[in-house]
Amino acid sequence: KEIAKRLSIPASTIRYYEKQGLLDIQRKNNNYREYSLEDEQKLKLILV
C-alpha cells in the first residue's frame, strides 16, 4: 500500500508485475509483502 501510494500506481499493478516474474518480493512471517528501497527502484525502472 505504501509503495503503491508513493509511486501513484494501483497495488494490483505491483502484484501483476510480481506474477509476471519481474519482481521477487520478500514476505514477512504473516505472508505480507515487504518492499526494500531496491525493490522500489526496480519497480520504478519497470514503470519507466
ModelCIF file with pLDDT and N, C-alpha, C, O atoms, coordinates in Angstrom:
data_MODEL
#
_entry.id   MODEL 
#
_entity.id                         1 
_entity.type                       polymer 
_entity.pdbx_number_of_molecules   1 
#
_entity_poly.entity_id                      1 
_entity_poly.type                           'polypeptide(L)' 
_entity_poly.nstd_linkage                   no 
_entity_poly.nstd_monomer                   no 
_entity_poly.pdbx_seq_one_letter_code       KEIAKRLSIPASTIRYYEKQGLLDIQRKNNNYREYSLEDEQKLKLILV 
_entity_poly.pdbx_seq_one_letter_code_can   KEIAKRLSIPASTIRYYEKQGLLDIQRKNNNYREYSLEDEQKLKLILV 
_entity_poly.pdbx_strand_id                 A 
#
loop_
_entity_poly_seq.entity_id 
_entity_poly_seq.num 
_entity_poly_seq.mon_id 
_entity_poly_seq.hetero 
1 1  LYS n 
1 2  GLU n 
1 3  ILE n 
1 4  ALA n 
1 5  LYS n 
1 6  ARG n 
1 7  LEU n 
1 8  SER n 
1 9  ILE n 
1 10 PRO n 
1 11 ALA n 
1 12 SER n 
1 13 THR n 
1 14 ILE n 
1 15 ARG n 
1 16 TYR n 
1 17 TYR n 
1 18 GLU n 
1 19 LYS n 
1 20 GLN n 
1 21 GLY n 
1 22 LEU n 
1 23 LEU n 
1 24 ASP n 
1 25 ILE n 
1 26 GLN n 
1 27 ARG n 
1 28 LYS n 
1 29 ASN n 
1 30 ASN n 
1 31 ASN n 
1 32 TYR n 
1 33 ARG n 
1 34 GLU n 
1 35 TYR n 
1 36 SER n 
1 37 LEU n 
1 38 GLU n 
1 39 ASP n 
1 40 GLU n 
1 41 GLN n 
1 42 LYS n 
1 43 LEU n 
1 44 LYS n 
1 45 LEU n 
1 46 ILE n 
1 47 LEU n 
1 48 VAL n 
#
_struct_asym.id          A 
_struct_asym.entity_id   1 
#
loop_
_ma_qa_metric.id 
_ma_qa_metric.mode 
_ma_qa_metric.name 
_ma_qa_metric.software_group_id 
_ma_qa_metric.type 
1 global pLDDT . pLDDT 
2 local  pLDDT . pLDDT 
#
_ma_qa_metric_global.metric_id      1 
_ma_qa_metric_global.metric_value   88.31 
_ma_qa_metric_global.model_id       1 
_ma_qa_metric_global.ordinal_id     1 
#
loop_
_ma_qa_metric_local.label_asym_id 
_ma_qa_metric_local.label_comp_id 
_ma_qa_metric_local.label_seq_id 
_ma_qa_metric_local.metric_id 
_ma_qa_metric_local.metric_value 
_ma_qa_metric_local.model_id 
_ma_qa_metric_local.ordinal_id 
A LYS 1  2 89.00 1 1  
A GLU 2  2 90.00 1 2  
A ILE 3  2 91.00 1 3  
A ALA 4  2 92.00 1 4  
A LYS 5  2 92.00 1 5  
A ARG 6  2 90.00 1 6  
A LEU 7  2 90.00 1 7  
A SER 8  2 91.00 1 8  
A ILE 9  2 92.00 1 9  
A PRO 10 2 93.00 1 10 
A ALA 11 2 92.00 1 11 
A SER 12 2 93.00 1 12 
A THR 13 2 92.00 1 13 
A ILE 14 2 92.00 1 14 
A ARG 15 2 90.00 1 15 
A TYR 16 2 93.00 1 16 
A TYR 17 2 93.00 1 17 
A GLU 18 2 91.00 1 18 
A LYS 19 2 92.00 1 19 
A GLN 20 2 90.00 1 20 
A GLY 21 2 88.00 1 21 
A LEU 22 2 89.00 1 22 
A LEU 23 2 86.00 1 23 
A ASP 24 2 83.00 1 24 
A ILE 25 2 82.00 1 25 
A GLN 26 2 80.00 1 26 
A ARG 27 2 81.00 1 27 
A LYS 28 2 79.00 1 28 
A ASN 29 2 79.00 1 29 
A ASN 30 2 81.00 1 30 
A ASN 31 2 78.00 1 31 
A TYR 32 2 81.00 1 32 
A ARG 33 2 83.00 1 33 
A GLU 34 2 87.00 1 34 
A TYR 35 2 88.00 1 35 
A SER 36 2 88.00 1 36 
A LEU 37 2 90.00 1 37 
A GLU 38 2 88.00 1 38 
A ASP 39 2 89.00 1 39 
A GLU 40 2 90.00 1 40 
A GLN 41 2 90.00 1 41 
A LYS 42 2 89.00 1 42 
A LEU 43 2 92.00 1 43 
A LYS 44 2 91.00 1 44 
A LEU 45 2 88.00 1 45 
A ILE 46 2 91.00 1 46 
A LEU 47 2 91.00 1 47 
A VAL 48 2 89.00 1 48 
#
loop_
_atom_site.group_PDB 
_atom_site.id 
_atom_site.type_symbol 
_atom_site.label_atom_id 
_atom_site.label_alt_id 
_atom_site.label_comp_id 
_atom_site.label_asym_id 
_atom_site.label_entity_id 
_atom_site.label_seq_id 
_atom_site.pdbx_PDB_ins_code 
_atom_site.Cartn_x 
_atom_site.Cartn_y 
_atom_site.Cartn_z 
_atom_site.occupancy 
_atom_site.B_iso_or_equiv 
_atom_site.pdbx_formal_charge 
_atom_site.auth_seq_id 
_atom_site.auth_comp_id 
_atom_site.auth_asym_id 
_atom_site.auth_atom_id 
_atom_site.pdbx_PDB_model_num 
ATOM 1   N N  . LYS A 1 1  ? 0.831  -1.205  0.000   1.00 89.00 ? 1  LYS A N  1 
ATOM 2   C CA . LYS A 1 1  ? 0.000  0.000   0.000   1.00 89.00 ? 1  LYS A CA 1 
ATOM 3   C C  . LYS A 1 1  ? 0.870  1.261   0.000   1.00 89.00 ? 1  LYS A C  1 
ATOM 4   O O  . LYS A 1 1  ? 0.586  2.219   -0.720  1.00 89.00 ? 1  LYS A O  1 
ATOM 5   N N  . GLU A 1 2  ? 1.917  1.254   0.802   1.00 90.00 ? 2  GLU A N  1 
ATOM 6   C CA . GLU A 1 2  ? 2.810  2.416   0.881   1.00 90.00 ? 2  GLU A CA 1 
ATOM 7   C C  . GLU A 1 2  ? 3.551  2.648   -0.433  1.00 90.00 ? 2  GLU A C  1 
ATOM 8   O O  . GLU A 1 2  ? 3.646  3.776   -0.916  1.00 90.00 ? 2  GLU A O  1 
ATOM 9   N N  . ILE A 1 3  ? 4.067  1.572   -0.996  1.00 91.00 ? 3  ILE A N  1 
ATOM 10  C CA . ILE A 1 3  ? 4.823  1.709   -2.242  1.00 91.00 ? 3  ILE A CA 1 
ATOM 11  C C  . ILE A 1 3  ? 3.909  2.117   -3.393  1.00 91.00 ? 3  ILE A C  1 
ATOM 12  O O  . ILE A 1 3  ? 4.298  2.915   -4.246  1.00 91.00 ? 3  ILE A O  1 
ATOM 13  N N  . ALA A 1 4  ? 2.701  1.573   -3.417  1.00 92.00 ? 4  ALA A N  1 
ATOM 14  C CA . ALA A 1 4  ? 1.739  1.935   -4.462  1.00 92.00 ? 4  ALA A CA 1 
ATOM 15  C C  . ALA A 1 4  ? 1.393  3.422   -4.371  1.00 92.00 ? 4  ALA A C  1 
ATOM 16  O O  . ALA A 1 4  ? 1.290  4.109   -5.387  1.00 92.00 ? 4  ALA A O  1 
ATOM 17  N N  . LYS A 1 5  ? 1.219  3.901   -3.160  1.00 92.00 ? 5  LYS A N  1 
ATOM 18  C CA . LYS A 1 5  ? 0.890  5.320   -2.956  1.00 92.00 ? 5  LYS A CA 1 
ATOM 19  C C  . LYS A 1 5  ? 2.058  6.202   -3.390  1.00 92.00 ? 5  LYS A C  1 
ATOM 20  O O  . LYS A 1 5  ? 1.855  7.199   -4.084  1.00 92.00 ? 5  LYS A O  1 
ATOM 21  N N  . ARG A 1 6  ? 3.274  5.846   -2.990  1.00 90.00 ? 6  ARG A N  1 
ATOM 22  C CA . ARG A 1 6  ? 4.451  6.649   -3.354  1.00 90.00 ? 6  ARG A CA 1 
ATOM 23  C C  . ARG A 1 6  ? 4.656  6.710   -4.862  1.00 90.00 ? 6  ARG A C  1 
ATOM 24  O O  . ARG A 1 6  ? 5.067  7.739   -5.399  1.00 90.00 ? 6  ARG A O  1 
ATOM 25  N N  . LEU A 1 7  ? 4.368  5.609   -5.539  1.00 90.00 ? 7  LEU A N  1 
ATOM 26  C CA . LEU A 1 7  ? 4.602  5.554   -6.990  1.00 90.00 ? 7  LEU A CA 1 
ATOM 27  C C  . LEU A 1 7  ? 3.349  5.896   -7.800  1.00 90.00 ? 7  LEU A C  1 
ATOM 28  O O  . LEU A 1 7  ? 3.382  5.915   -9.030  1.00 90.00 ? 7  LEU A O  1 
ATOM 29  N N  . SER A 1 8  ? 2.254  6.162   -7.103  1.00 91.00 ? 8  SER A N  1 
ATOM 30  C CA . SER A 1 8  ? 0.981  6.540   -7.764  1.00 91.00 ? 8  SER A CA 1 
ATOM 31  C C  . SER A 1 8  ? 0.502  5.476   -8.741  1.00 91.00 ? 8  SER A C  1 
ATOM 32  O O  . SER A 1 8  ? 0.096  5.782   -9.862  1.00 91.00 ? 8  SER A O  1 
ATOM 33  N N  . ILE A 1 9  ? 0.554  4.232   -8.304  1.00 92.00 ? 9  ILE A N  1 
ATOM 34  C CA . ILE A 1 9  ? 0.041  3.132   -9.118  1.00 92.00 ? 9  ILE A CA 1 
ATOM 35  C C  . ILE A 1 9  ? -0.813 2.238   -8.228  1.00 92.00 ? 9  ILE A C  1 
ATOM 36  O O  . ILE A 1 9  ? -0.646 2.235   -7.009  1.00 92.00 ? 9  ILE A O  1 
ATOM 37  N N  . PRO A 1 10 ? -1.726 1.480   -8.828  1.00 93.00 ? 10 PRO A N  1 
ATOM 38  C CA . PRO A 1 10 ? -2.525 0.555   -8.020  1.00 93.00 ? 10 PRO A CA 1 
ATOM 39  C C  . PRO A 1 10 ? -1.679 -0.610  -7.498  1.00 93.00 ? 10 PRO A C  1 
ATOM 40  O O  . PRO A 1 10 ? -0.733 -1.041  -8.157  1.00 93.00 ? 10 PRO A O  1 
ATOM 41  N N  . ALA A 1 11 ? -2.018 -1.100  -6.341  1.00 92.00 ? 11 ALA A N  1 
ATOM 42  C CA . ALA A 1 11 ? -1.334 -2.265  -5.777  1.00 92.00 ? 11 ALA A CA 1 
ATOM 43  C C  . ALA A 1 11 ? -1.468 -3.469  -6.709  1.00 92.00 ? 11 ALA A C  1 
ATOM 44  O O  . ALA A 1 11 ? -0.582 -4.321  -6.771  1.00 92.00 ? 11 ALA A O  1 
ATOM 45  N N  . SER A 1 12 ? -2.587 -3.526  -7.433  1.00 93.00 ? 12 SER A N  1 
ATOM 46  C CA . SER A 1 12 ? -2.793 -4.644  -8.365  1.00 93.00 ? 12 SER A CA 1 
ATOM 47  C C  . SER A 1 12 ? -1.731 -4.662  -9.468  1.00 93.00 ? 12 SER A C  1 
ATOM 48  O O  . SER A 1 12 ? -1.365 -5.732  -9.954  1.00 93.00 ? 12 SER A O  1 
ATOM 49  N N  . THR A 1 13 ? -1.240 -3.499  -9.861  1.00 92.00 ? 13 THR A N  1 
ATOM 50  C CA . THR A 1 13 ? -0.181 -3.428  -10.874 1.00 92.00 ? 13 THR A CA 1 
ATOM 51  C C  . THR A 1 13 ? 1.100  -4.053  -10.326 1.00 92.00 ? 13 THR A C  1 
ATOM 52  O O  . THR A 1 13 ? 1.792  -4.788  -11.029 1.00 92.00 ? 13 THR A O  1 
ATOM 53  N N  . ILE A 1 14 ? 1.400  -3.758  -9.088  1.00 92.00 ? 14 ILE A N  1 
ATOM 54  C CA . ILE A 1 14 ? 2.598  -4.326  -8.460  1.00 92.00 ? 14 ILE A CA 1 
ATOM 55  C C  . ILE A 1 14 ? 2.473  -5.844  -8.365  1.00 92.00 ? 14 ILE A C  1 
ATOM 56  O O  . ILE A 1 14 ? 3.422  -6.573  -8.653  1.00 92.00 ? 14 ILE A O  1 
ATOM 57  N N  . ARG A 1 15 ? 1.288  -6.314  -7.955  1.00 90.00 ? 15 ARG A N  1 
ATOM 58  C CA . ARG A 1 15 ? 1.060  -7.770  -7.874  1.00 90.00 ? 15 ARG A CA 1 
ATOM 59  C C  . ARG A 1 15 ? 1.195  -8.419  -9.252  1.00 90.00 ? 15 ARG A C  1 
ATOM 60  O O  . ARG A 1 15 ? 1.752  -9.509  -9.381  1.00 90.00 ? 15 ARG A O  1 
ATOM 61  N N  . TYR A 1 16 ? 0.681  -7.737  -10.280 1.00 93.00 ? 16 TYR A N  1 
ATOM 62  C CA . TYR A 1 16 ? 0.764  -8.256  -11.654 1.00 93.00 ? 16 TYR A CA 1 
ATOM 63  C C  . TYR A 1 16 ? 2.225  -8.401  -12.071 1.00 93.00 ? 16 TYR A C  1 
ATOM 64  O O  . TYR A 1 16 ? 2.610  -9.430  -12.626 1.00 93.00 ? 16 TYR A O  1 
ATOM 65  N N  . TYR A 1 17 ? 3.043  -7.380  -11.810 1.00 93.00 ? 17 TYR A N  1 
ATOM 66  C CA . TYR A 1 17 ? 4.458  -7.457  -12.167 1.00 93.00 ? 17 TYR A CA 1 
ATOM 67  C C  . TYR A 1 17 ? 5.152  -8.591  -11.415 1.00 93.00 ? 17 TYR A C  1 
ATOM 68  O O  . TYR A 1 17 ? 6.049  -9.245  -11.947 1.00 93.00 ? 17 TYR A O  1 
ATOM 69  N N  . GLU A 1 18 ? 4.732  -8.809  -10.191 1.00 91.00 ? 18 GLU A N  1 
ATOM 70  C CA . GLU A 1 18 ? 5.299  -9.917  -9.427  1.00 91.00 ? 18 GLU A CA 1 
ATOM 71  C C  . GLU A 1 18 ? 4.902  -11.256 -10.055 1.00 91.00 ? 18 GLU A C  1 
ATOM 72  O O  . GLU A 1 18 ? 5.736  -12.152 -10.189 1.00 91.00 ? 18 GLU A O  1 
ATOM 73  N N  . LYS A 1 19 ? 3.635  -11.391 -10.437 1.00 92.00 ? 19 LYS A N  1 
ATOM 74  C CA . LYS A 1 19 ? 3.177  -12.638 -11.080 1.00 92.00 ? 19 LYS A CA 1 
ATOM 75  C C  . LYS A 1 19 ? 3.894  -12.896 -12.402 1.00 92.00 ? 19 LYS A C  1 
ATOM 76  O O  . LYS A 1 19 ? 4.118  -14.043 -12.787 1.00 92.00 ? 19 LYS A O  1 
ATOM 77  N N  . GLN A 1 20 ? 4.249  -11.810 -13.090 1.00 90.00 ? 20 GLN A N  1 
ATOM 78  C CA . GLN A 1 20 ? 4.943  -11.943 -14.374 1.00 90.00 ? 20 GLN A CA 1 
ATOM 79  C C  . GLN A 1 20 ? 6.430  -12.249 -14.207 1.00 90.00 ? 20 GLN A C  1 
ATOM 80  O O  . GLN A 1 20 ? 7.141  -12.453 -15.191 1.00 90.00 ? 20 GLN A O  1 
ATOM 81  N N  . GLY A 1 21 ? 6.892  -12.280 -12.973 1.00 88.00 ? 21 GLY A N  1 
ATOM 82  C CA . GLY A 1 21 ? 8.287  -12.610 -12.708 1.00 88.00 ? 21 GLY A CA 1 
ATOM 83  C C  . GLY A 1 21 ? 9.227  -11.428 -12.798 1.00 88.00 ? 21 GLY A C  1 
ATOM 84  O O  . GLY A 1 21 ? 10.442 -11.614 -12.860 1.00 88.00 ? 21 GLY A O  1 
ATOM 85  N N  . LEU A 1 22 ? 8.690  -10.205 -12.805 1.00 89.00 ? 22 LEU A N  1 
ATOM 86  C CA . LEU A 1 22 ? 9.545  -9.025  -12.876 1.00 89.00 ? 22 LEU A CA 1 
ATOM 87  C C  . LEU A 1 22 ? 10.061 -8.613  -11.503 1.00 89.00 ? 22 LEU A C  1 
ATOM 88  O O  . LEU A 1 22 ? 11.110 -7.978  -11.394 1.00 89.00 ? 22 LEU A O  1 
ATOM 89  N N  . LEU A 1 23 ? 9.332  -8.969  -10.471 1.00 86.00 ? 23 LEU A N  1 
ATOM 90  C CA . LEU A 1 23 ? 9.706  -8.634  -9.099  1.00 86.00 ? 23 LEU A CA 1 
ATOM 91  C C  . LEU A 1 23 ? 9.760  -9.906  -8.269  1.00 86.00 ? 23 LEU A C  1 
ATOM 92  O O  . LEU A 1 23 ? 8.935  -10.805 -8.432  1.00 86.00 ? 23 LEU A O  1 
ATOM 93  N N  . ASP A 1 24 ? 10.731 -9.970  -7.385  1.00 83.00 ? 24 ASP A N  1 
ATOM 94  C CA . ASP A 1 24 ? 10.824 -11.081 -6.434  1.00 83.00 ? 24 ASP A CA 1 
ATOM 95  C C  . ASP A 1 24 ? 10.807 -10.454 -5.046  1.00 83.00 ? 24 ASP A C  1 
ATOM 96  O O  . ASP A 1 24 ? 11.851 -10.070 -4.518  1.00 83.00 ? 24 ASP A O  1 
ATOM 97  N N  . ILE A 1 25 ? 9.641  -10.355 -4.471  1.00 82.00 ? 25 ILE A N  1 
ATOM 98  C CA . ILE A 1 25 ? 9.431  -9.618  -3.231  1.00 82.00 ? 25 ILE A CA 1 
ATOM 99  C C  . ILE A 1 25 ? 9.518  -10.559 -2.035  1.00 82.00 ? 25 ILE A C  1 
ATOM 100 O O  . ILE A 1 25 ? 8.960  -11.656 -2.037  1.00 82.00 ? 25 ILE A O  1 
ATOM 101 N N  . GLN A 1 26 ? 10.238 -10.094 -1.012  1.00 80.00 ? 26 GLN A N  1 
ATOM 102 C CA . GLN A 1 26 ? 10.333 -10.850 0.243   1.00 80.00 ? 26 GLN A CA 1 
ATOM 103 C C  . GLN A 1 26 ? 9.015  -10.746 0.997   1.00 80.00 ? 26 GLN A C  1 
ATOM 104 O O  . GLN A 1 26 ? 8.299  -9.753  0.873   1.00 80.00 ? 26 GLN A O  1 
ATOM 105 N N  . ARG A 1 27 ? 8.705  -11.749 1.762   1.00 81.00 ? 27 ARG A N  1 
ATOM 106 C CA . ARG A 1 27 ? 7.480  -11.741 2.562   1.00 81.00 ? 27 ARG A CA 1 
ATOM 107 C C  . ARG A 1 27 ? 7.819  -11.902 4.041   1.00 81.00 ? 27 ARG A C  1 
ATOM 108 O O  . ARG A 1 27 ? 8.769  -12.587 4.420   1.00 81.00 ? 27 ARG A O  1 
ATOM 109 N N  . LYS A 1 28 ? 7.007  -11.248 4.853   1.00 79.00 ? 28 LYS A N  1 
ATOM 110 C CA . LYS A 1 28 ? 7.143  -11.367 6.311   1.00 79.00 ? 28 LYS A CA 1 
ATOM 111 C C  . LYS A 1 28 ? 6.597  -12.724 6.749   1.00 79.00 ? 28 LYS A C  1 
ATOM 112 O O  . LYS A 1 28 ? 6.095  -13.491 5.928   1.00 79.00 ? 28 LYS A O  1 
ATOM 113 N N  . ASN A 1 29 ? 6.695  -13.012 8.033   1.00 79.00 ? 29 ASN A N  1 
ATOM 114 C CA . ASN A 1 29 ? 6.153  -14.259 8.585   1.00 79.00 ? 29 ASN A CA 1 
ATOM 115 C C  . ASN A 1 29 ? 4.647  -14.373 8.359   1.00 79.00 ? 29 ASN A C  1 
ATOM 116 O O  . ASN A 1 29 ? 4.121  -15.475 8.201   1.00 79.00 ? 29 ASN A O  1 
ATOM 117 N N  . ASN A 1 30 ? 3.946  -13.217 8.342   1.00 81.00 ? 30 ASN A N  1 
ATOM 118 C CA . ASN A 1 30 ? 2.495  -13.229 8.128   1.00 81.00 ? 30 ASN A CA 1 
ATOM 119 C C  . ASN A 1 30 ? 2.141  -13.279 6.633   1.00 81.00 ? 30 ASN A C  1 
ATOM 120 O O  . ASN A 1 30 ? 0.968  -13.164 6.277   1.00 81.00 ? 30 ASN A O  1 
ATOM 121 N N  . ASN A 1 31 ? 3.133  -13.450 5.766   1.00 78.00 ? 31 ASN A N  1 
ATOM 122 C CA . ASN A 1 31 ? 2.984  -13.569 4.316   1.00 78.00 ? 31 ASN A CA 1 
ATOM 123 C C  . ASN A 1 31 ? 2.708  -12.236 3.618   1.00 78.00 ? 31 ASN A C  1 
ATOM 124 O O  . ASN A 1 31 ? 2.384  -12.228 2.430   1.00 78.00 ? 31 ASN A O  1 
ATOM 125 N N  . TYR A 1 32 ? 2.828  -11.119 4.322   1.00 81.00 ? 32 TYR A N  1 
ATOM 126 C CA . TYR A 1 32 ? 2.679  -9.797  3.709   1.00 81.00 ? 32 TYR A CA 1 
ATOM 127 C C  . TYR A 1 32 ? 3.951  -9.470  2.937   1.00 81.00 ? 32 TYR A C  1 
ATOM 128 O O  . TYR A 1 32 ? 5.057  -9.819  3.351   1.00 81.00 ? 32 TYR A O  1 
ATOM 129 N N  . ARG A 1 33 ? 3.774  -8.800  1.820   1.00 83.00 ? 33 ARG A N  1 
ATOM 130 C CA . ARG A 1 33 ? 4.934  -8.390  1.035   1.00 83.00 ? 33 ARG A CA 1 
ATOM 131 C C  . ARG A 1 33 ? 5.689  -7.281  1.779   1.00 83.00 ? 33 ARG A C  1 
ATOM 132 O O  . ARG A 1 33 ? 5.103  -6.451  2.475   1.00 83.00 ? 33 ARG A O  1 
ATOM 133 N N  . GLU A 1 34 ? 7.014  -7.308  1.600   1.00 87.00 ? 34 GLU A N  1 
ATOM 134 C CA . GLU A 1 34 ? 7.884  -6.325  2.235   1.00 87.00 ? 34 GLU A CA 1 
ATOM 135 C C  . GLU A 1 34 ? 8.805  -5.759  1.162   1.00 87.00 ? 34 GLU A C  1 
ATOM 136 O O  . GLU A 1 34 ? 9.607  -6.494  0.585   1.00 87.00 ? 34 GLU A O  1 
ATOM 137 N N  . TYR A 1 35 ? 8.699  -4.465  0.889   1.00 88.00 ? 35 TYR A N  1 
ATOM 138 C CA . TYR A 1 35 ? 9.444  -3.837  -0.204  1.00 88.00 ? 35 TYR A CA 1 
ATOM 139 C C  . TYR A 1 35 ? 10.624 -3.041  0.326   1.00 88.00 ? 35 TYR A C  1 
ATOM 140 O O  . TYR A 1 35 ? 10.473 -2.184  1.198   1.00 88.00 ? 35 TYR A O  1 
ATOM 141 N N  . SER A 1 36 ? 11.786 -3.331  -0.204  1.00 88.00 ? 36 SER A N  1 
ATOM 142 C CA . SER A 1 36 ? 13.002 -2.605  0.155   1.00 88.00 ? 36 SER A CA 1 
ATOM 143 C C  . SER A 1 36 ? 13.154 -1.408  -0.794  1.00 88.00 ? 36 SER A C  1 
ATOM 144 O O  . SER A 1 36 ? 12.397 -1.259  -1.753  1.00 88.00 ? 36 SER A O  1 
ATOM 145 N N  . LEU A 1 37 ? 14.139 -0.568  -0.507  1.00 90.00 ? 37 LEU A N  1 
ATOM 146 C CA . LEU A 1 37 ? 14.436 0.547   -1.409  1.00 90.00 ? 37 LEU A CA 1 
ATOM 147 C C  . LEU A 1 37 ? 14.877 0.031   -2.780  1.00 90.00 ? 37 LEU A C  1 
ATOM 148 O O  . LEU A 1 37 ? 14.590 0.643   -3.808  1.00 90.00 ? 37 LEU A O  1 
ATOM 149 N N  . GLU A 1 38 ? 15.575 -1.096  -2.777  1.00 88.00 ? 38 GLU A N  1 
ATOM 150 C CA . GLU A 1 38 ? 16.000 -1.722  -4.036  1.00 88.00 ? 38 GLU A CA 1 
ATOM 151 C C  . GLU A 1 38 ? 14.781 -2.192  -4.842  1.00 88.00 ? 38 GLU A C  1 
ATOM 152 O O  . GLU A 1 38 ? 14.742 -2.034  -6.062  1.00 88.00 ? 38 GLU A O  1 
ATOM 153 N N  . ASP A 1 39 ? 13.801 -2.763  -4.162  1.00 89.00 ? 39 ASP A N  1 
ATOM 154 C CA . ASP A 1 39 ? 12.571 -3.193  -4.832  1.00 89.00 ? 39 ASP A CA 1 
ATOM 155 C C  . ASP A 1 39 ? 11.844 -1.989  -5.439  1.00 89.00 ? 39 ASP A C  1 
ATOM 156 O O  . ASP A 1 39 ? 11.340 -2.052  -6.560  1.00 89.00 ? 39 ASP A O  1 
ATOM 157 N N  . GLU A 1 40 ? 11.803 -0.906  -4.683  1.00 90.00 ? 40 GLU A N  1 
ATOM 158 C CA . GLU A 1 40 ? 11.142 0.310   -5.175  1.00 90.00 ? 40 GLU A CA 1 
ATOM 159 C C  . GLU A 1 40 ? 11.860 0.850   -6.412  1.00 90.00 ? 40 GLU A C  1 
ATOM 160 O O  . GLU A 1 40 ? 11.220 1.267   -7.377  1.00 90.00 ? 40 GLU A O  1 
ATOM 161 N N  . GLN A 1 41 ? 13.192 0.837   -6.375  1.00 90.00 ? 41 GLN A N  1 
ATOM 162 C CA . GLN A 1 41 ? 13.965 1.319   -7.522  1.00 90.00 ? 41 GLN A CA 1 
ATOM 163 C C  . GLN A 1 41 ? 13.733 0.425   -8.742  1.00 90.00 ? 41 GLN A C  1 
ATOM 164 O O  . GLN A 1 41 ? 13.617 0.918   -9.864  1.00 90.00 ? 41 GLN A O  1 
ATOM 165 N N  . LYS A 1 42 ? 13.667 -0.876  -8.522  1.00 89.00 ? 42 LYS A N  1 
ATOM 166 C CA . LYS A 1 42 ? 13.418 -1.809  -9.617  1.00 89.00 ? 42 LYS A CA 1 
ATOM 167 C C  . LYS A 1 42 ? 12.025 -1.582  -10.199 1.00 89.00 ? 42 LYS A C  1 
ATOM 168 O O  . LYS A 1 42 ? 11.834 -1.641  -11.414 1.00 89.00 ? 42 LYS A O  1 
ATOM 169 N N  . LEU A 1 43 ? 11.069 -1.326  -9.336  1.00 92.00 ? 43 LEU A N  1 
ATOM 170 C CA . LEU A 1 43 ? 9.708  -1.050  -9.788  1.00 92.00 ? 43 LEU A CA 1 
ATOM 171 C C  . LEU A 1 43 ? 9.656  0.244   -10.602 1.00 92.00 ? 43 LEU A C  1 
ATOM 172 O O  . LEU A 1 43 ? 8.938  0.320   -11.599 1.00 92.00 ? 43 LEU A O  1 
ATOM 173 N N  . LYS A 1 44 ? 10.406 1.248   -10.186 1.00 91.00 ? 44 LYS A N  1 
ATOM 174 C CA . LYS A 1 44 ? 10.484 2.495   -10.958 1.00 91.00 ? 44 LYS A CA 1 
ATOM 175 C C  . LYS A 1 44 ? 11.069 2.221   -12.344 1.00 91.00 ? 44 LYS A C  1 
ATOM 176 O O  . LYS A 1 44 ? 10.585 2.752   -13.344 1.00 91.00 ? 44 LYS A O  1 
ATOM 177 N N  . LEU A 1 45 ? 12.106 1.394   -12.399 1.00 88.00 ? 45 LEU A N  1 
ATOM 178 C CA . LEU A 1 45 ? 12.713 1.032   -13.689 1.00 88.00 ? 45 LEU A CA 1 
ATOM 179 C C  . LEU A 1 45 ? 11.687 0.335   -14.582 1.00 88.00 ? 45 LEU A C  1 
ATOM 180 O O  . LEU A 1 45 ? 11.588 0.635   -15.772 1.00 88.00 ? 45 LEU A O  1 
ATOM 181 N N  . ILE A 1 46 ? 10.932 -0.586  -14.009 1.00 91.00 ? 46 ILE A N  1 
ATOM 182 C CA . ILE A 1 46 ? 9.891  -1.297  -14.774 1.00 91.00 ? 46 ILE A CA 1 
ATOM 183 C C  . ILE A 1 46 ? 8.869  -0.294  -15.315 1.00 91.00 ? 46 ILE A C  1 
ATOM 184 O O  . ILE A 1 46 ? 8.469  -0.378  -16.476 1.00 91.00 ? 46 ILE A O  1 
ATOM 185 N N  . LEU A 1 47 ? 8.455  0.640   -14.485 1.00 91.00 ? 47 LEU A N  1 
ATOM 186 C CA . LEU A 1 47 ? 7.460  1.634   -14.912 1.00 91.00 ? 47 LEU A CA 1 
ATOM 187 C C  . LEU A 1 47 ? 8.007  2.535   -16.021 1.00 91.00 ? 47 LEU A C  1 
ATOM 188 O O  . LEU A 1 47 ? 7.285  2.883   -16.956 1.00 91.00 ? 47 LEU A O  1 
ATOM 189 N N  . VAL A 1 48 ? 9.273  2.908   -15.914 1.00 89.00 ? 48 VAL A N  1 
ATOM 190 C CA . VAL A 1 48 ? 9.890  3.734   -16.952 1.00 89.00 ? 48 VAL A CA 1 
ATOM 191 C C  . VAL A 1 48 ? 9.981  2.957   -18.263 1.00 89.00 ? 48 VAL A C  1 
ATOM 192 O O  . VAL A 1 48 ? 10.473 3.485   -19.260 1.00 89.00 ? 48 VAL A O  1 
#
